[in-house]
């Protein structure tokens, strides 16, 4: 059981880091990654990066 919790946490952290680097909300993706594990990691990897907002 402890190994499952460790893997859930590791997938959540990996999803959070990838989402943050791609311009998405890391905290939200951490929660999604905590429950969906590798599926959330694949989902955030498949999404295009958020373009930066250009201000005049």
Protein backbone atom coordinates (compact mmCIF):
# COMPACT_ATOMS: atom_id res chain seq x y z
CA UNK A 1 0.00 0.00 0.00
CA UNK A 2 2.84 2.39 0.82
CA UNK A 3 4.40 1.82 -2.60
CA UNK A 4 1.13 2.80 -4.28
CA UNK A 5 1.04 6.06 -2.31
CA UNK A 6 4.65 6.80 -3.22
CA UNK A 7 3.94 6.27 -6.92
CA UNK A 8 0.80 8.42 -6.73
CA UNK A 9 2.81 11.23 -5.16
CA UNK A 10 5.65 10.90 -7.71
CA UNK A 11 3.23 11.08 -10.63
CA UNK A 12 1.56 14.11 -9.05
CA UNK A 13 4.91 15.91 -8.68
CA UNK A 14 5.96 15.04 -12.24
CA UNK A 15 2.62 16.31 -13.58
CA UNK A 16 2.94 19.51 -11.53
CA UNK A 17 6.44 20.22 -12.84
CA UNK A 18 5.53 19.55 -16.47
CA UNK A 19 2.37 21.65 -16.24
CA UNK A 20 4.26 24.56 -14.66
CA UNK A 21 6.90 24.50 -17.39
CA UNK A 22 4.23 24.51 -20.08
CA UNK A 23 2.45 27.55 -18.63
CA UNK A 24 -0.44 25.75 -16.97
CA UNK A 25 -1.65 25.91 -13.36
CA UNK A 26 0.66 23.56 -11.48
CA UNK A 27 -1.44 23.21 -8.34
CA UNK A 28 -4.50 22.12 -10.26
CA UNK A 29 -2.49 19.60 -12.26
CA UNK A 30 -0.89 18.31 -9.06
CA UNK A 31 -4.35 17.38 -7.79
CA UNK A 32 -5.31 15.81 -11.09
CA UNK A 33 -2.03 13.89 -11.16
CA UNK A 34 -2.60 12.67 -7.62
CA UNK A 35 -5.85 10.97 -8.62
CA UNK A 36 -5.19 9.99 -12.24
CA UNK A 37 -1.45 9.26 -12.07
CA UNK A 38 0.14 8.47 -15.42
CA UNK A 39 -2.99 9.43 -17.34
CA UNK A 40 -2.72 13.02 -16.09
CA UNK A 41 0.96 13.11 -17.01
CA UNK A 42 0.16 11.98 -20.54
CA UNK A 43 -2.69 14.49 -20.78
CA UNK A 44 -0.58 17.48 -19.78
CA UNK A 45 2.20 16.32 -22.09
CA UNK A 46 -0.25 16.16 -25.01
CA UNK A 47 -1.64 19.65 -24.42
CA UNK A 48 0.05 22.52 -26.27
CA UNK A 49 1.97 25.06 -24.20
CA UNK A 50 0.09 28.20 -23.21
CA UNK A 51 1.47 31.15 -25.20
CA UNK A 52 2.70 34.08 -23.12
CA UNK A 53 0.45 37.15 -22.96
CA UNK A 54 1.92 40.08 -24.85
CA UNK A 55 1.13 43.43 -23.29
CA UNK A 56 1.26 46.67 -25.27
